[in-house]
N, C-alpha and C. Protein backbone atom coordinates (compact mmCIF):
# COMPACT_ATOMS: atom_id res chain seq x y z
N MET A 1 -37.73 -11.00 -4.02
CA MET A 1 -36.77 -10.50 -3.28
C MET A 1 -37.18 -9.27 -3.57
N ILE A 2 -37.27 -8.05 -3.57
CA ILE A 2 -37.32 -6.42 -4.15
C ILE A 2 -36.13 -5.75 -2.88
N SER A 3 -34.42 -5.22 -3.40
CA SER A 3 -33.86 -4.63 -2.82
C SER A 3 -33.27 -3.54 -3.96
N LYS A 4 -32.51 -2.63 -2.55
CA LYS A 4 -31.86 -1.77 -3.39
C LYS A 4 -30.89 -1.36 -2.54
N ASN A 5 -29.05 -1.56 -3.63
CA ASN A 5 -28.24 -1.35 -3.16
C ASN A 5 -28.12 -2.40 -1.96
N ASP A 6 -28.25 -3.85 -2.69
CA ASP A 6 -28.42 -4.57 -1.62
C ASP A 6 -29.30 -4.78 -0.57
N THR A 7 -29.63 -3.99 -0.41
CA THR A 7 -30.35 -3.96 1.06
C THR A 7 -32.18 -4.76 0.53
N LEU A 8 -32.56 -5.39 1.35
CA LEU A 8 -33.91 -5.98 1.46
C LEU A 8 -35.15 -5.08 1.46
N ILE A 9 -36.15 -4.38 0.15
CA ILE A 9 -37.00 -3.20 0.54
C ILE A 9 -38.24 -4.08 1.19
N SER A 10 -38.43 -5.31 -0.04
CA SER A 10 -39.89 -6.34 0.30
C SER A 10 -39.67 -7.65 -0.35
N ILE A 11 -40.90 -7.75 0.04
CA ILE A 11 -41.13 -9.31 -1.14
C ILE A 11 -42.33 -9.79 -1.55
N ALA A 12 -42.29 -9.70 -2.78
CA ALA A 12 -43.67 -10.56 -3.62
C ALA A 12 -43.63 -11.70 -4.21
N LEU A 13 -44.95 -12.17 -3.35
CA LEU A 13 -44.91 -13.40 -4.03
C LEU A 13 -46.00 -13.81 -5.04
N LEU A 14 -45.91 -14.64 -5.89
CA LEU A 14 -46.93 -14.88 -7.07
C LEU A 14 -47.40 -16.62 -6.76
N ASP A 15 -49.05 -16.37 -6.42
CA ASP A 15 -49.58 -18.01 -6.46
C ASP A 15 -50.65 -18.02 -7.10
N ASN A 16 -51.27 -18.87 -7.12
CA ASN A 16 -52.57 -19.61 -7.17
C ASN A 16 -53.47 -20.58 -6.48
N VAL A 17 -54.42 -20.34 -6.03
CA VAL A 17 -55.81 -21.11 -5.79
C VAL A 17 -56.73 -21.30 -5.81
N TYR A 18 -57.14 -22.26 -5.65
CA TYR A 18 -58.80 -22.67 -6.57
C TYR A 18 -59.74 -22.34 -6.09
N GLY A 19 -60.18 -21.22 -7.05
CA GLY A 19 -62.14 -21.15 -6.75
C GLY A 19 -62.86 -22.49 -6.85
N LYS A 20 -63.87 -22.02 -7.53
CA LYS A 20 -65.15 -23.26 -7.27
C LYS A 20 -64.22 -24.18 -8.52
N THR A 21 -63.94 -23.85 -9.33
CA THR A 21 -63.82 -24.59 -10.64
C THR A 21 -62.48 -24.21 -11.64
N LEU A 22 -61.13 -23.09 -11.01
CA LEU A 22 -60.65 -22.18 -11.46
C LEU A 22 -59.57 -22.23 -10.75
N PRO A 23 -58.12 -21.75 -11.22
CA PRO A 23 -57.29 -21.01 -9.97
C PRO A 23 -57.45 -19.35 -10.44
N ILE A 24 -56.95 -18.98 -9.38
CA ILE A 24 -57.13 -17.56 -9.00
C ILE A 24 -56.08 -16.89 -9.04
N THR A 25 -54.84 -16.19 -9.75
CA THR A 25 -53.63 -16.07 -9.73
C THR A 25 -53.43 -14.81 -8.81
N PHE A 26 -52.78 -14.80 -8.04
CA PHE A 26 -52.54 -13.42 -6.37
C PHE A 26 -51.33 -13.07 -6.16
N LEU A 27 -51.56 -12.16 -6.44
CA LEU A 27 -49.35 -11.40 -5.73
C LEU A 27 -49.79 -10.91 -4.03
N VAL A 28 -49.10 -10.92 -3.46
CA VAL A 28 -48.88 -10.57 -1.99
C VAL A 28 -47.22 -9.93 -2.12
N CYS A 29 -47.47 -8.53 -1.68
CA CYS A 29 -46.36 -7.81 -1.34
C CYS A 29 -46.19 -7.79 0.36
N PHE A 30 -44.90 -8.17 1.41
CA PHE A 30 -44.66 -8.26 2.21
C PHE A 30 -43.77 -6.65 2.60
N ASP A 31 -43.63 -6.29 3.53
CA ASP A 31 -42.31 -5.59 3.86
C ASP A 31 -41.40 -5.97 4.84
N LYS A 32 -40.43 -5.62 5.17
CA LYS A 32 -39.42 -6.52 5.22
C LYS A 32 -39.38 -7.68 6.53
N SER A 33 -39.87 -6.80 7.17
CA SER A 33 -40.76 -7.60 8.40
C SER A 33 -42.33 -8.81 8.52
N GLY A 34 -42.43 -8.93 7.54
CA GLY A 34 -43.32 -9.90 7.36
C GLY A 34 -44.55 -9.20 7.60
N GLY A 35 -44.86 -7.72 7.30
CA GLY A 35 -46.40 -7.92 7.57
C GLY A 35 -46.43 -7.36 5.71
N ILE A 36 -48.10 -7.56 5.67
CA ILE A 36 -48.38 -7.96 4.49
C ILE A 36 -49.20 -6.55 3.81
N LEU A 37 -48.07 -5.47 2.87
CA LEU A 37 -48.13 -4.26 2.48
C LEU A 37 -49.26 -4.10 1.59
N LYS A 38 -49.68 -5.46 0.44
CA LYS A 38 -50.85 -4.94 -0.58
C LYS A 38 -50.83 -6.49 -0.73
N SER A 39 -51.99 -6.77 -1.27
CA SER A 39 -52.95 -7.71 -1.74
C SER A 39 -53.58 -7.74 -2.96
N GLU A 40 -53.28 -8.56 -4.16
CA GLU A 40 -54.16 -7.94 -5.49
C GLU A 40 -54.13 -9.04 -6.42
N ILE A 41 -55.90 -9.27 -6.81
CA ILE A 41 -56.13 -10.52 -7.93
C ILE A 41 -55.25 -9.98 -9.50
N ILE A 42 -54.14 -11.09 -9.51
CA ILE A 42 -53.94 -11.38 -11.10
C ILE A 42 -54.73 -11.61 -12.07
N LYS A 43 -55.45 -12.45 -11.75
CA LYS A 43 -56.70 -12.76 -12.57
C LYS A 43 -57.55 -14.00 -11.92
N TYR A 44 -58.69 -13.34 -12.42
CA TYR A 44 -59.79 -13.89 -11.66
C TYR A 44 -61.20 -14.52 -12.86
N ARG A 45 -60.66 -16.13 -12.89
CA ARG A 45 -61.32 -16.56 -14.33
C ARG A 45 -63.01 -17.36 -14.04
N GLU A 46 -63.35 -17.16 -12.63
CA GLU A 46 -64.48 -17.81 -12.51
C GLU A 46 -65.71 -16.67 -12.80
N PRO A 47 -66.80 -17.45 -13.65
CA PRO A 47 -68.06 -16.55 -13.63
C PRO A 47 -69.00 -16.14 -12.96
N TYR A 48 -68.26 -16.48 -11.25
CA TYR A 48 -69.01 -15.60 -10.23
C TYR A 48 -67.89 -15.90 -9.03
N GLY A 49 -68.38 -14.66 -7.89
CA GLY A 49 -67.36 -14.59 -7.02
C GLY A 49 -66.29 -13.33 -6.87
N GLY A 50 -65.97 -12.55 -8.17
CA GLY A 50 -65.78 -12.17 -8.49
C GLY A 50 -65.44 -11.06 -7.96
N ALA A 51 -65.97 -10.32 -6.58
CA ALA A 51 -65.62 -9.44 -5.75
C ALA A 51 -65.10 -9.24 -4.79
N VAL A 52 -64.31 -10.75 -4.89
CA VAL A 52 -62.32 -10.71 -4.34
C VAL A 52 -61.62 -10.17 -4.81
N LYS A 53 -61.86 -9.63 -6.04
CA LYS A 53 -60.97 -8.61 -6.87
C LYS A 53 -60.44 -7.57 -5.76
N GLU A 54 -61.87 -6.98 -5.54
CA GLU A 54 -62.03 -5.39 -4.94
C GLU A 54 -60.93 -5.24 -4.20
N GLU A 55 -60.78 -3.74 -4.24
CA GLU A 55 -59.69 -3.52 -2.91
C GLU A 55 -60.44 -3.04 -2.05
N SER A 56 -62.18 -3.07 -1.65
CA SER A 56 -62.75 -2.85 -0.82
C SER A 56 -61.99 -3.80 -0.03
N TRP A 57 -61.96 -5.54 0.14
CA TRP A 57 -61.67 -6.61 0.22
C TRP A 57 -60.66 -6.87 0.91
N LEU A 58 -60.11 -7.21 -0.45
CA LEU A 58 -58.32 -7.04 -0.17
C LEU A 58 -57.66 -6.29 1.18
N SER A 59 -57.92 -5.14 0.95
CA SER A 59 -57.44 -4.23 1.95
C SER A 59 -57.88 -4.62 3.63
N GLN A 60 -58.65 -5.30 3.81
CA GLN A 60 -58.11 -6.17 4.91
C GLN A 60 -57.18 -6.97 5.42
N PHE A 61 -56.70 -7.15 4.55
CA PHE A 61 -55.35 -7.58 4.78
C PHE A 61 -53.90 -7.31 4.91
N THR A 62 -53.95 -6.22 4.71
CA THR A 62 -53.15 -5.19 4.80
C THR A 62 -52.82 -4.86 6.45
N GLY A 63 -51.30 -5.69 6.36
CA GLY A 63 -51.06 -5.57 8.14
C GLY A 63 -50.83 -6.61 8.40
N LYS A 64 -51.39 -7.74 8.21
CA LYS A 64 -51.43 -8.65 8.83
C LYS A 64 -50.11 -9.33 8.84
N ILE A 65 -49.81 -10.64 9.97
CA ILE A 65 -48.45 -11.38 9.90
C ILE A 65 -49.30 -12.48 9.59
N SER A 66 -48.19 -13.57 9.86
CA SER A 66 -48.66 -14.65 9.40
C SER A 66 -48.98 -15.15 11.18
N LYS A 67 -49.00 -14.54 12.02
CA LYS A 67 -49.92 -14.97 13.84
C LYS A 67 -51.23 -14.62 13.43
N SER A 68 -51.35 -13.71 12.24
CA SER A 68 -52.51 -13.30 12.41
C SER A 68 -53.61 -14.32 12.09
N ASN A 69 -55.11 -13.93 11.99
CA ASN A 69 -56.02 -14.83 12.41
C ASN A 69 -56.81 -14.57 10.83
N PHE A 70 -56.53 -15.91 9.86
CA PHE A 70 -57.44 -15.15 8.71
C PHE A 70 -58.66 -16.10 8.04
N SER A 71 -58.74 -16.21 8.88
CA SER A 71 -60.42 -17.18 8.91
C SER A 71 -61.62 -16.04 9.01
N VAL A 72 -62.03 -16.46 7.31
CA VAL A 72 -63.30 -16.01 7.34
C VAL A 72 -64.39 -15.69 8.38
N GLY A 73 -65.26 -15.05 8.44
CA GLY A 73 -66.51 -14.65 9.03
C GLY A 73 -65.79 -14.74 10.34
N SER A 74 -64.30 -14.27 10.76
CA SER A 74 -63.47 -14.69 12.49
C SER A 74 -62.96 -13.10 11.81
N GLU A 75 -61.55 -13.02 11.31
CA GLU A 75 -61.11 -11.40 11.14
C GLU A 75 -60.86 -11.05 9.48
N VAL A 76 -61.59 -12.45 8.53
CA VAL A 76 -61.92 -11.44 7.46
C VAL A 76 -62.79 -11.74 6.69
N GLN A 77 -63.38 -10.84 5.96
CA GLN A 77 -65.20 -10.61 5.54
C GLN A 77 -65.09 -11.36 5.18
N GLY A 78 -66.67 -12.29 4.61
CA GLY A 78 -66.91 -12.68 4.23
C GLY A 78 -67.60 -12.39 2.93
N ILE A 79 -68.30 -12.58 1.40
CA ILE A 79 -68.64 -12.00 0.63
C ILE A 79 -69.56 -13.35 0.47
N SER A 80 -70.93 -12.95 0.06
CA SER A 80 -72.50 -13.43 -0.30
C SER A 80 -72.02 -13.46 -1.57
N GLY A 81 -71.90 -15.19 -1.85
CA GLY A 81 -71.95 -15.68 -3.87
C GLY A 81 -70.42 -15.68 -4.40
N ALA A 82 -69.54 -15.58 -2.42
CA ALA A 82 -67.89 -15.63 -3.18
C ALA A 82 -67.43 -16.61 -1.82
N THR A 83 -68.75 -17.64 -1.30
CA THR A 83 -67.95 -17.93 -0.53
C THR A 83 -66.72 -18.98 -0.79
N ILE A 84 -66.20 -19.64 -1.62
CA ILE A 84 -65.24 -20.37 -2.20
C ILE A 84 -64.01 -19.45 -2.41
N SER A 85 -64.00 -18.82 -3.32
CA SER A 85 -62.74 -17.39 -3.40
C SER A 85 -62.91 -16.74 -2.34
N THR A 86 -63.46 -16.90 -1.05
CA THR A 86 -63.20 -15.72 -0.27
C THR A 86 -62.36 -16.97 0.48
N ASN A 87 -62.76 -18.12 0.65
CA ASN A 87 -61.92 -18.83 1.79
C ASN A 87 -60.71 -19.41 1.19
N SER A 88 -60.82 -19.67 -0.26
CA SER A 88 -59.48 -20.03 -1.41
C SER A 88 -58.26 -18.69 -1.16
N VAL A 89 -58.92 -17.76 -1.45
CA VAL A 89 -57.89 -16.82 -1.78
C VAL A 89 -57.01 -16.53 0.16
N SER A 90 -57.98 -16.60 0.95
CA SER A 90 -57.54 -16.13 2.49
C SER A 90 -56.58 -17.31 3.17
N LYS A 91 -57.07 -18.55 2.58
CA LYS A 91 -56.08 -19.86 2.80
C LYS A 91 -55.09 -19.06 2.07
N GLY A 92 -54.89 -19.15 0.52
CA GLY A 92 -54.09 -18.29 -0.06
C GLY A 92 -53.19 -17.03 0.62
N ILE A 93 -53.45 -16.79 1.04
CA ILE A 93 -52.83 -15.18 1.65
C ILE A 93 -51.85 -16.06 2.72
N ASN A 94 -52.90 -16.69 3.63
CA ASN A 94 -52.18 -16.95 4.54
C ASN A 94 -50.84 -18.11 4.82
N LYS A 95 -51.08 -18.75 3.49
CA LYS A 95 -50.12 -19.62 3.08
C LYS A 95 -48.78 -18.78 2.68
N LEU A 96 -49.19 -17.65 1.52
CA LEU A 96 -48.20 -16.83 0.78
C LEU A 96 -47.14 -16.28 2.74
N SER A 97 -48.12 -15.62 3.61
CA SER A 97 -47.50 -14.97 4.78
C SER A 97 -46.53 -15.78 5.64
N LEU A 98 -46.82 -17.16 5.88
CA LEU A 98 -46.28 -18.47 6.15
C LEU A 98 -45.31 -18.65 5.73
N LEU A 99 -45.01 -18.68 3.97
CA LEU A 99 -43.84 -18.87 3.84
C LEU A 99 -42.80 -17.81 3.83
N VAL A 100 -43.39 -16.86 3.72
CA VAL A 100 -42.41 -15.41 3.55
C VAL A 100 -41.60 -15.02 4.95
N SER A 101 -42.26 -15.94 6.13
CA SER A 101 -41.81 -15.73 7.76
C SER A 101 -40.80 -16.25 7.20
N HIS A 102 -41.20 -17.99 6.68
CA HIS A 102 -39.30 -18.79 6.81
C HIS A 102 -38.29 -17.98 6.34
N ILE A 103 -38.59 -17.87 4.83
CA ILE A 103 -37.73 -16.83 3.51
C ILE A 103 -37.08 -15.67 4.91
N LEU A 104 -37.86 -15.42 5.51
CA LEU A 104 -37.49 -13.89 6.15
C LEU A 104 -35.82 -14.52 7.72
N GLU A 105 -36.68 -15.81 8.45
CA GLU A 105 -36.06 -16.00 9.41
C GLU A 105 -34.29 -17.45 8.23
N LYS A 106 -34.77 -17.44 7.15
CA LYS A 106 -33.10 -18.13 6.34
C LYS A 106 -32.39 -17.18 6.15
N HIS A 107 -32.47 -16.10 6.05
CA HIS A 107 -31.81 -15.33 5.55
C HIS A 107 -31.25 -13.99 6.58
N GLY A 108 -32.40 -14.33 7.62
CA GLY A 108 -31.63 -13.49 8.85
C GLY A 108 -32.22 -12.03 8.69
N HIS A 109 -33.12 -12.17 8.70
CA HIS A 109 -34.27 -10.59 9.04
C HIS A 109 -35.19 -10.91 9.85
């Protein structure tokens, strides 16, 4: 939780998902109502599929909330040659949005 003068400003969560064989480390920053402010790939270890690191792909998650559709091919654009990575990262961001929603509920936000 990121706060200033005991007031919640945002929440940032770091996690890993698996690409084809190696972990992909990513960070998602949420506003105090659970909306995604920014998502970032911290470490991409696979030799292929690295287009998930691009801001142009990651920006489509901005504004999504836990009830949003995170399905690749529906609300999330796929990337040719990065099917496993796009699905893994999308599911990971979705998981963190559900987790942050639970955290905010538990803390009365």
